[in-house]
Amino acid sequence: MAVTFYKIATVTVGSGGVSTIDFTSIPSTYTDLKLVISGRTTNDSGWRDYFMLRYNASSSSIYSRIYTVGYDASTYVSGSASAQSYHTAGVMSANDSTANTFGNCEVYIANYTSSVNKVISMDFIAENNNATAYMLGANAGLWASTAAINQITLYPYNVTPTGNFAQYTTATLYGISKS
């Protein structure tokens, strides 16, 4: 089966930062979606900061995930979260991390137009250019909605949505067609 990627849109944050990155009017012509992010926030969060996703502007408590994370050279955590109003999608470098370092995340949304709940996979890494300060992990998420996804919004996250995505943060959304 041939798989083809089509760039739908790219957002690069300018000077001063932005509080959200929004992909709207996502066409329904693809099989899956892939979101690739290179990011940094303006929050001072102990060098790393989480970010969250919402689909179709839904803040209903229909998001859940399981996760496994390793960080700071010797700590490993796994667990789950349910009945949330967002997906904690990944981690990126915070304002108090080493200058000019960016975290990276990939989000894969299978069958985004189907009339069943949506399954999402997320993998991420943030680094601080330091031998013992980094974070990497993976999430498996579920959005318990039968609606087709036509909008994805990214928010910086520090307990509650706060701060901005910093200048040069880049997010690219791809449509994936399988034939």
N, C-alpha and C. Protein backbone atom coordinates (compact mmCIF):
# COMPACT_ATOMS: atom_id res chain seq x y z
N MET A 1 0.85 -1.17 0.00
CA MET A 1 0.00 0.00 0.00
C MET A 1 0.89 1.24 0.00
N ALA A 2 0.71 2.09 -0.98
CA ALA A 2 1.47 3.34 -1.04
C ALA A 2 0.89 4.35 -0.07
N VAL A 3 1.78 5.07 0.62
CA VAL A 3 1.37 6.11 1.55
C VAL A 3 1.96 7.43 1.06
N THR A 4 1.13 8.44 0.94
CA THR A 4 1.59 9.73 0.44
C THR A 4 1.25 10.82 1.46
N PHE A 5 2.25 11.66 1.75
CA PHE A 5 2.08 12.79 2.67
C PHE A 5 1.84 14.06 1.86
N TYR A 6 0.87 14.87 2.30
CA TYR A 6 0.58 16.16 1.68
C TYR A 6 0.61 17.22 2.77
N LYS A 7 1.43 18.24 2.57
CA LYS A 7 1.47 19.32 3.56
C LYS A 7 0.20 20.15 3.43
N ILE A 8 -0.56 20.22 4.53
CA ILE A 8 -1.78 21.02 4.56
C ILE A 8 -1.45 22.46 4.93
N ALA A 9 -0.64 22.63 6.00
CA ALA A 9 -0.30 23.98 6.45
C ALA A 9 0.89 23.93 7.40
N THR A 10 1.63 25.01 7.45
CA THR A 10 2.72 25.20 8.41
C THR A 10 2.52 26.53 9.10
N VAL A 11 2.70 26.54 10.43
CA VAL A 11 2.66 27.77 11.21
C VAL A 11 4.03 27.94 11.87
N THR A 12 4.65 29.10 11.66
CA THR A 12 5.90 29.44 12.34
C THR A 12 5.62 30.69 13.16
N VAL A 13 5.89 30.59 14.46
CA VAL A 13 5.57 31.68 15.39
C VAL A 13 6.55 32.83 15.21
N GLY A 14 6.01 34.03 15.15
CA GLY A 14 6.83 35.22 14.98
C GLY A 14 7.23 35.85 16.30
N SER A 15 7.82 37.00 16.22
CA SER A 15 8.29 37.76 17.37
C SER A 15 7.16 38.00 18.37
N GLY A 16 7.44 37.80 19.64
CA GLY A 16 6.45 38.03 20.68
C GLY A 16 5.67 36.79 21.06
N GLY A 17 5.69 35.77 20.20
CA GLY A 17 5.00 34.52 20.51
C GLY A 17 3.50 34.59 20.28
N VAL A 18 2.83 33.43 20.44
CA VAL A 18 1.38 33.34 20.30
C VAL A 18 0.85 32.40 21.38
N SER A 19 -0.39 32.62 21.79
CA SER A 19 -0.99 31.80 22.84
C SER A 19 -1.54 30.48 22.33
N THR A 20 -1.86 30.40 21.04
CA THR A 20 -2.33 29.14 20.45
C THR A 20 -1.81 29.03 19.02
N ILE A 21 -1.75 27.81 18.56
CA ILE A 21 -1.52 27.53 17.14
C ILE A 21 -2.75 26.77 16.69
N ASP A 22 -3.38 27.26 15.63
CA ASP A 22 -4.67 26.72 15.22
C ASP A 22 -4.63 26.29 13.75
N PHE A 23 -5.04 25.07 13.51
CA PHE A 23 -5.25 24.58 12.16
C PHE A 23 -6.76 24.45 11.98
N THR A 24 -7.33 25.23 11.08
CA THR A 24 -8.78 25.23 10.88
C THR A 24 -9.10 24.76 9.46
N SER A 25 -10.35 24.46 9.24
CA SER A 25 -10.83 24.03 7.92
C SER A 25 -9.99 22.90 7.35
N ILE A 26 -9.68 21.92 8.19
CA ILE A 26 -8.90 20.77 7.74
C ILE A 26 -9.76 19.98 6.73
N PRO A 27 -9.25 19.78 5.53
CA PRO A 27 -10.05 19.07 4.54
C PRO A 27 -10.26 17.60 4.93
N SER A 28 -11.35 17.03 4.47
CA SER A 28 -11.68 15.64 4.81
C SER A 28 -11.25 14.66 3.73
N THR A 29 -10.28 15.04 2.94
CA THR A 29 -9.89 14.25 1.76
C THR A 29 -8.78 13.24 2.02
N TYR A 30 -8.29 13.14 3.24
CA TYR A 30 -7.18 12.24 3.54
C TYR A 30 -7.65 11.09 4.42
N THR A 31 -6.79 10.13 4.62
CA THR A 31 -7.09 9.00 5.49
C THR A 31 -6.74 9.33 6.94
N ASP A 32 -5.53 9.87 7.16
CA ASP A 32 -4.99 10.16 8.49
C ASP A 32 -4.37 11.55 8.49
N LEU A 33 -4.05 12.03 9.69
CA LEU A 33 -3.34 13.30 9.85
C LEU A 33 -2.07 13.07 10.64
N LYS A 34 -1.06 13.86 10.32
CA LYS A 34 0.18 13.84 11.11
C LYS A 34 0.57 15.28 11.39
N LEU A 35 0.82 15.57 12.65
CA LEU A 35 1.23 16.90 13.09
C LEU A 35 2.65 16.80 13.62
N VAL A 36 3.54 17.64 13.09
CA VAL A 36 4.95 17.65 13.50
C VAL A 36 5.25 19.01 14.10
N ILE A 37 5.81 19.01 15.32
CA ILE A 37 6.02 20.26 16.05
C ILE A 37 7.46 20.35 16.54
N SER A 38 8.07 21.50 16.34
CA SER A 38 9.34 21.86 16.96
C SER A 38 9.04 23.09 17.79
N GLY A 39 9.08 22.95 19.13
CA GLY A 39 8.55 24.04 19.92
C GLY A 39 9.30 24.39 21.19
N ARG A 40 8.96 25.57 21.63
CA ARG A 40 9.49 26.15 22.86
C ARG A 40 8.41 27.07 23.41
N THR A 41 8.26 27.17 24.74
CA THR A 41 7.28 28.07 25.32
C THR A 41 7.97 29.20 26.07
N THR A 42 7.16 30.20 26.45
CA THR A 42 7.68 31.34 27.22
C THR A 42 7.55 31.11 28.72
N ASN A 43 7.01 29.95 29.13
CA ASN A 43 6.87 29.66 30.56
C ASN A 43 8.21 29.29 31.18
N ASP A 44 8.40 29.67 32.43
CA ASP A 44 9.53 29.19 33.22
C ASP A 44 9.01 28.00 34.01
N SER A 45 9.36 26.80 33.57
CA SER A 45 8.73 25.59 34.10
C SER A 45 9.74 24.54 34.54
N GLY A 46 10.94 24.96 34.92
CA GLY A 46 11.95 23.97 35.26
C GLY A 46 12.53 23.35 34.00
N TRP A 47 12.73 24.13 32.96
CA TRP A 47 13.33 23.88 31.66
C TRP A 47 12.46 23.14 30.66
N ARG A 48 11.40 22.46 31.08
CA ARG A 48 10.52 21.78 30.12
C ARG A 48 9.09 22.17 30.39
N ASP A 49 8.28 22.12 29.35
CA ASP A 49 6.89 22.52 29.47
C ASP A 49 6.05 21.60 28.60
N TYR A 50 4.89 21.27 29.06
CA TYR A 50 3.97 20.43 28.30
C TYR A 50 3.14 21.30 27.36
N PHE A 51 2.56 20.68 26.37
CA PHE A 51 1.58 21.39 25.57
C PHE A 51 0.40 20.46 25.34
N MET A 52 -0.73 21.08 25.04
CA MET A 52 -1.96 20.31 24.91
C MET A 52 -2.62 20.56 23.57
N LEU A 53 -3.51 19.62 23.21
CA LEU A 53 -4.27 19.70 21.96
C LEU A 53 -5.75 19.63 22.27
N ARG A 54 -6.53 20.32 21.46
CA ARG A 54 -7.98 20.15 21.44
C ARG A 54 -8.40 20.00 19.99
N TYR A 55 -9.44 19.22 19.79
CA TYR A 55 -9.96 18.98 18.45
C TYR A 55 -11.33 19.64 18.33
N ASN A 56 -11.56 20.30 17.21
CA ASN A 56 -12.85 20.95 16.94
C ASN A 56 -13.28 21.90 18.06
N ALA A 57 -12.31 22.50 18.74
CA ALA A 57 -12.56 23.44 19.85
C ALA A 57 -13.34 22.80 21.00
N SER A 58 -13.29 21.49 21.11
CA SER A 58 -14.03 20.78 22.16
C SER A 58 -13.28 20.80 23.48
N SER A 59 -13.93 21.34 24.51
CA SER A 59 -13.36 21.30 25.86
C SER A 59 -14.13 20.31 26.74
N SER A 60 -14.93 19.44 26.12
CA SER A 60 -15.65 18.40 26.86
C SER A 60 -14.64 17.41 27.44
N SER A 61 -15.02 16.75 28.50
CA SER A 61 -14.13 15.80 29.18
C SER A 61 -14.18 14.43 28.49
N ILE A 62 -13.75 14.41 27.21
CA ILE A 62 -13.81 13.19 26.41
C ILE A 62 -12.44 12.79 25.88
N TYR A 63 -11.38 13.30 26.51
CA TYR A 63 -10.02 12.98 26.13
C TYR A 63 -9.43 12.03 27.18
N SER A 64 -8.71 11.02 26.72
CA SER A 64 -8.01 10.14 27.66
C SER A 64 -6.68 9.72 27.02
N ARG A 65 -5.77 9.22 27.86
CA ARG A 65 -4.47 8.80 27.35
C ARG A 65 -3.80 7.84 28.32
N ILE A 66 -2.90 7.05 27.77
CA ILE A 66 -1.94 6.30 28.58
C ILE A 66 -0.57 6.79 28.15
N TYR A 67 0.39 6.75 29.05
CA TYR A 67 1.68 7.35 28.74
C TYR A 67 2.82 6.62 29.44
N THR A 68 3.98 6.80 28.86
CA THR A 68 5.23 6.38 29.49
C THR A 68 6.26 7.46 29.20
N VAL A 69 7.00 7.86 30.22
CA VAL A 69 7.92 8.99 30.11
C VAL A 69 9.20 8.67 30.88
N GLY A 70 10.32 9.06 30.31
CA GLY A 70 11.59 9.00 31.00
C GLY A 70 12.19 10.39 31.02
N TYR A 71 12.78 10.77 32.15
CA TYR A 71 13.37 12.11 32.21
C TYR A 71 14.46 12.19 33.28
N ASP A 72 15.30 13.19 33.13
CA ASP A 72 16.37 13.51 34.07
C ASP A 72 17.27 12.33 34.38
N ALA A 73 17.59 11.52 33.38
CA ALA A 73 18.58 10.44 33.43
C ALA A 73 18.21 9.24 34.28
N SER A 74 17.26 9.37 35.21
CA SER A 74 17.01 8.21 36.07
C SER A 74 15.55 8.05 36.50
N THR A 75 14.65 8.82 35.97
CA THR A 75 13.25 8.76 36.40
C THR A 75 12.38 8.26 35.25
N TYR A 76 11.53 7.29 35.55
CA TYR A 76 10.62 6.73 34.56
C TYR A 76 9.23 6.70 35.16
N VAL A 77 8.25 7.13 34.40
CA VAL A 77 6.88 7.21 34.89
C VAL A 77 5.96 6.65 33.81
N SER A 78 4.93 5.95 34.23
CA SER A 78 3.88 5.57 33.30
C SER A 78 2.55 5.69 34.03
N GLY A 79 1.50 5.83 33.28
CA GLY A 79 0.19 5.97 33.90
C GLY A 79 -0.88 6.24 32.88
N SER A 80 -1.98 6.74 33.36
CA SER A 80 -3.10 7.06 32.48
C SER A 80 -3.86 8.25 33.04
N ALA A 81 -4.64 8.85 32.17
CA ALA A 81 -5.50 9.96 32.56
C ALA A 81 -6.76 9.87 31.70
N SER A 82 -7.90 10.07 32.33
CA SER A 82 -9.15 10.00 31.57
C SER A 82 -10.05 11.17 31.96
N ALA A 83 -11.12 11.34 31.22
CA ALA A 83 -12.10 12.40 31.45
C ALA A 83 -11.44 13.77 31.53
N GLN A 84 -10.49 14.01 30.62
CA GLN A 84 -9.84 15.31 30.56
C GLN A 84 -10.47 16.16 29.47
N SER A 85 -10.24 17.46 29.54
CA SER A 85 -10.80 18.38 28.54
C SER A 85 -9.76 18.75 27.48
N TYR A 86 -8.70 17.97 27.34
CA TYR A 86 -7.61 18.21 26.40
C TYR A 86 -6.74 16.96 26.35
N HIS A 87 -5.88 16.89 25.34
CA HIS A 87 -4.82 15.88 25.31
C HIS A 87 -3.52 16.55 25.70
N THR A 88 -2.86 16.04 26.72
CA THR A 88 -1.47 16.45 26.97
C THR A 88 -0.67 15.70 25.92
N ALA A 89 -0.25 16.40 24.90
CA ALA A 89 0.31 15.74 23.72
C ALA A 89 1.79 15.48 23.83
N GLY A 90 2.50 16.33 24.54
CA GLY A 90 3.94 16.16 24.58
C GLY A 90 4.60 17.23 25.40
N VAL A 91 5.89 17.32 25.21
CA VAL A 91 6.70 18.24 25.99
C VAL A 91 7.59 19.02 25.04
N MET A 92 7.93 20.22 25.41
CA MET A 92 8.86 21.03 24.64
C MET A 92 9.72 21.83 25.59
N SER A 93 10.73 22.45 25.07
CA SER A 93 11.63 23.24 25.90
C SER A 93 10.90 24.48 26.41
N ALA A 94 11.19 24.85 27.65
CA ALA A 94 10.59 26.03 28.27
C ALA A 94 11.56 27.20 28.20
N ASN A 95 11.09 28.36 28.61
CA ASN A 95 11.88 29.58 28.57
C ASN A 95 13.16 29.47 29.38
N ASP A 96 13.13 28.70 30.49
CA ASP A 96 14.31 28.60 31.35
C ASP A 96 15.21 27.42 30.98
N SER A 97 15.03 26.85 29.80
CA SER A 97 15.97 25.83 29.31
C SER A 97 17.10 26.54 28.56
N THR A 98 18.07 25.76 28.15
CA THR A 98 19.19 26.33 27.40
C THR A 98 18.67 27.12 26.20
N ALA A 99 19.24 28.29 25.97
CA ALA A 99 18.80 29.14 24.87
C ALA A 99 18.83 28.39 23.54
N ASN A 100 17.84 28.66 22.71
CA ASN A 100 17.76 28.12 21.36
C ASN A 100 17.60 26.60 21.27
N THR A 101 17.12 25.96 22.33
CA THR A 101 16.79 24.54 22.24
C THR A 101 15.28 24.41 22.09
N PHE A 102 14.87 23.43 21.31
CA PHE A 102 13.46 23.22 21.01
C PHE A 102 13.13 21.74 21.23
N GLY A 103 11.94 21.49 21.78
CA GLY A 103 11.45 20.13 21.89
C GLY A 103 10.76 19.74 20.60
N ASN A 104 10.62 18.44 20.39
CA ASN A 104 9.99 17.94 19.17
C ASN A 104 8.91 16.93 19.50
N CYS A 105 7.85 16.95 18.72
CA CYS A 105 6.73 16.04 18.94
C CYS A 105 6.09 15.68 17.60
N GLU A 106 5.65 14.43 17.50
CA GLU A 106 4.85 14.00 16.36
C GLU A 106 3.54 13.43 16.89
N VAL A 107 2.45 13.85 16.27
CA VAL A 107 1.11 13.40 16.64
C VAL A 107 0.51 12.75 15.40
N TYR A 108 0.03 11.52 15.54
CA TYR A 108 -0.58 10.80 14.42
C TYR A 108 -2.04 10.52 14.77
N ILE A 109 -2.95 10.98 13.91
CA ILE A 109 -4.38 10.80 14.13
C ILE A 109 -4.91 9.89 13.01
N ALA A 110 -5.26 8.68 13.39
CA ALA A 110 -5.75 7.71 12.41
C ALA A 110 -7.23 7.92 12.15
N ASN A 111 -7.62 7.78 10.90
CA ASN A 111 -9.03 7.81 10.51
C ASN A 111 -9.78 9.02 11.08
N TYR A 112 -9.23 10.18 10.87
CA TYR A 112 -9.75 11.41 11.49
C TYR A 112 -11.15 11.81 11.03
N THR A 113 -11.62 11.26 9.91
CA THR A 113 -12.96 11.59 9.43
C THR A 113 -13.99 10.51 9.73
N SER A 114 -13.56 9.43 10.35
CA SER A 114 -14.48 8.31 10.60
C SER A 114 -15.54 8.70 11.63
N SER A 115 -16.60 7.94 11.67
CA SER A 115 -17.70 8.22 12.60
C SER A 115 -17.57 7.39 13.88
N VAL A 116 -16.34 7.07 14.25
CA VAL A 116 -16.06 6.37 15.51
C VAL A 116 -15.08 7.21 16.32
N ASN A 117 -14.83 6.83 17.56
CA ASN A 117 -13.85 7.53 18.39
C ASN A 117 -12.49 7.55 17.71
N LYS A 118 -11.71 8.60 17.95
CA LYS A 118 -10.43 8.77 17.28
C LYS A 118 -9.27 8.32 18.17
N VAL A 119 -8.35 7.55 17.58
CA VAL A 119 -7.16 7.07 18.27
C VAL A 119 -5.98 7.93 17.82
N ILE A 120 -5.19 8.38 18.80
CA ILE A 120 -4.09 9.30 18.51
C ILE A 120 -2.83 8.75 19.16
N SER A 121 -1.70 8.76 18.43
CA SER A 121 -0.41 8.41 19.03
C SER A 121 0.47 9.66 19.03
N MET A 122 1.24 9.82 20.11
CA MET A 122 2.08 10.99 20.27
C MET A 122 3.44 10.56 20.81
N ASP A 123 4.51 11.01 20.20
CA ASP A 123 5.84 10.78 20.77
C ASP A 123 6.56 12.12 20.81
N PHE A 124 7.43 12.27 21.81
CA PHE A 124 8.01 13.59 22.05
C PHE A 124 9.36 13.50 22.76
N ILE A 125 10.11 14.60 22.63
CA ILE A 125 11.38 14.74 23.33
C ILE A 125 11.64 16.23 23.55
N ALA A 126 12.12 16.56 24.73
CA ALA A 126 12.59 17.91 25.03
C ALA A 126 13.99 17.78 25.58
N GLU A 127 14.83 18.72 25.26
CA GLU A 127 16.19 18.66 25.78
C GLU A 127 16.64 20.01 26.27
N ASN A 128 17.62 19.96 27.13
CA ASN A 128 18.14 21.16 27.75
C ASN A 128 19.64 21.30 27.51
N ASN A 129 20.14 20.54 26.49
CA ASN A 129 21.57 20.56 26.19
C ASN A 129 22.40 20.27 27.43
N ASN A 130 21.97 19.25 28.16
CA ASN A 130 22.55 18.92 29.45
C ASN A 130 22.55 17.40 29.58
N ALA A 131 23.55 16.83 30.19
CA ALA A 131 23.67 15.37 30.28
C ALA A 131 22.56 14.73 31.12
N THR A 132 21.94 15.48 32.02
CA THR A 132 20.94 14.89 32.90
C THR A 132 19.58 15.55 32.84
N ALA A 133 19.38 16.51 31.96
CA ALA A 133 18.09 17.20 31.90
C ALA A 133 17.49 17.02 30.51
N TYR A 134 16.63 16.04 30.39
CA TYR A 134 15.92 15.79 29.15
C TYR A 134 14.65 15.03 29.47
N MET A 135 13.79 14.90 28.50
CA MET A 135 12.55 14.17 28.70
C MET A 135 12.13 13.57 27.37
N LEU A 136 11.71 12.32 27.39
CA LEU A 136 11.18 11.69 26.20
C LEU A 136 10.06 10.76 26.59
N GLY A 137 9.16 10.53 25.67
CA GLY A 137 8.05 9.67 26.01
C GLY A 137 7.10 9.45 24.86
N ALA A 138 6.05 8.72 25.18
CA ALA A 138 5.02 8.40 24.20
C ALA A 138 3.66 8.35 24.89
N ASN A 139 2.65 8.79 24.18
CA ASN A 139 1.27 8.74 24.65
C ASN A 139 0.43 7.99 23.62
N ALA A 140 -0.56 7.28 24.08
CA ALA A 140 -1.61 6.76 23.22
C ALA A 140 -2.89 7.44 23.71
N GLY A 141 -3.58 8.12 22.82
CA GLY A 141 -4.74 8.89 23.24
C GLY A 141 -6.01 8.45 22.55
N LEU A 142 -7.12 8.82 23.17
CA LEU A 142 -8.44 8.57 22.61
C LEU A 142 -9.24 9.85 22.74
N TRP A 143 -9.85 10.26 21.63
CA TRP A 143 -10.81 11.35 21.66
C TRP A 143 -12.16 10.70 21.43
N ALA A 144 -12.99 10.66 22.44
CA ALA A 144 -14.26 9.92 22.41
C ALA A 144 -15.34 10.76 21.73
N SER A 145 -15.15 10.98 20.44
CA SER A 145 -16.11 11.72 19.65
C SER A 145 -16.25 11.04 18.29
N THR A 146 -17.45 11.04 17.78
CA THR A 146 -17.68 10.48 16.45
C THR A 146 -17.61 11.54 15.36
N ALA A 147 -17.34 12.79 15.73
CA ALA A 147 -17.25 13.88 14.76
C ALA A 147 -15.93 13.79 13.99
N ALA A 148 -15.96 14.14 12.73
CA ALA A 148 -14.73 14.26 11.95
C ALA A 148 -13.91 15.42 12.51
N ILE A 149 -12.61 15.27 12.56
CA ILE A 149 -11.74 16.35 13.04
C ILE A 149 -11.53 17.35 11.90
N ASN A 150 -11.92 18.60 12.14
CA ASN A 150 -11.72 19.65 11.14
C ASN A 150 -10.94 20.83 11.69
N GLN A 151 -10.54 20.73 12.97
CA GLN A 151 -9.75 21.79 13.60
C GLN A 151 -8.87 21.17 14.68
N ILE A 152 -7.62 21.61 14.75
CA ILE A 152 -6.70 21.20 15.81
C ILE A 152 -6.09 22.47 16.38
N THR A 153 -6.16 22.61 17.71
CA THR A 153 -5.60 23.78 18.39
C THR A 153 -4.55 23.31 19.39
N LEU A 154 -3.38 23.93 19.36
CA LEU A 154 -2.29 23.65 20.29
C LEU A 154 -2.22 24.78 21.31
N TYR A 155 -2.01 24.41 22.59
CA TYR A 155 -1.88 25.37 23.67
C TYR A 155 -0.63 25.07 24.47
N PRO A 156 0.12 26.10 24.89
CA PRO A 156 1.16 25.86 25.89
C PRO A 156 0.48 25.44 27.18
N TYR A 157 1.15 24.71 28.00
CA TYR A 157 0.49 24.12 29.16
C TYR A 157 1.42 24.16 30.36
N ASN A 158 0.97 24.76 31.42
CA ASN A 158 1.69 24.74 32.69
C ASN A 158 0.61 24.69 33.76
N VAL A 159 0.08 23.52 34.01
CA VAL A 159 -1.04 23.22 34.89
C VAL A 159 -2.35 23.70 34.28
N THR A 160 -2.45 24.96 33.92
CA THR A 160 -3.57 25.45 33.13
C THR A 160 -2.98 26.10 31.89
N PRO A 161 -3.75 26.27 30.84
CA PRO A 161 -3.17 26.88 29.65
C PRO A 161 -2.67 28.30 29.96
N THR A 162 -1.37 28.46 29.90
CA THR A 162 -0.76 29.77 30.16
C THR A 162 0.41 29.98 29.23
N GLY A 163 0.88 31.21 29.18
CA GLY A 163 2.08 31.52 28.42
C GLY A 163 1.84 31.49 26.93
N ASN A 164 2.93 31.50 26.20
CA ASN A 164 2.90 31.53 24.75
C ASN A 164 3.85 30.50 24.17
N PHE A 165 3.60 30.15 22.93
CA PHE A 165 4.63 29.46 22.17
C PHE A 165 5.64 30.53 21.79
N ALA A 166 6.92 30.22 21.93
CA ALA A 166 7.97 31.19 21.67
C ALA A 166 8.25 31.33 20.18
N GLN A 167 8.89 32.44 19.85
CA GLN A 167 9.28 32.70 18.47
C GLN A 167 10.05 31.52 17.90
N TYR A 168 9.82 31.21 16.65
CA TYR A 168 10.42 30.12 15.87
C TYR A 168 9.82 28.75 16.14
N THR A 169 8.87 28.64 17.05
CA THR A 169 8.13 27.39 17.17
C THR A 169 7.45 27.14 15.83
N THR A 170 7.53 25.91 15.37
CA THR A 170 6.95 25.57 14.07
C THR A 170 6.09 24.32 14.19
N ALA A 171 4.91 24.36 13.60
CA ALA A 171 4.01 23.21 13.56
C ALA A 171 3.56 23.02 12.11
N THR A 172 3.65 21.78 11.64
CA THR A 172 3.23 21.46 10.29
C THR A 172 2.23 20.32 10.34
N LEU A 173 1.11 20.50 9.65
CA LEU A 173 0.07 19.49 9.57
C LEU A 173 0.11 18.85 8.19
N TYR A 174 0.14 17.51 8.18
CA TYR A 174 0.15 16.74 6.94
C TYR A 174 -1.11 15.90 6.84
N GLY A 175 -1.64 15.78 5.64
CA GLY A 175 -2.68 14.81 5.35
C GLY A 175 -2.01 13.59 4.76
N ILE A 176 -2.48 12.41 5.13
CA ILE A 176 -1.88 11.17 4.65
C ILE A 176 -2.93 10.38 3.88
N SER A 177 -2.60 10.03 2.67
CA SER A 177 -3.49 9.23 1.84
C SER A 177 -2.88 7.85 1.66
N LYS A 178 -3.71 6.84 1.84
CA LYS A 178 -3.27 5.46 1.62
C LYS A 178 -4.01 4.93 0.40
N SER A 179 -3.25 4.32 -0.49
CA SER A 179 -3.91 3.77 -1.68
C SER A 179 -3.45 2.36 -1.94
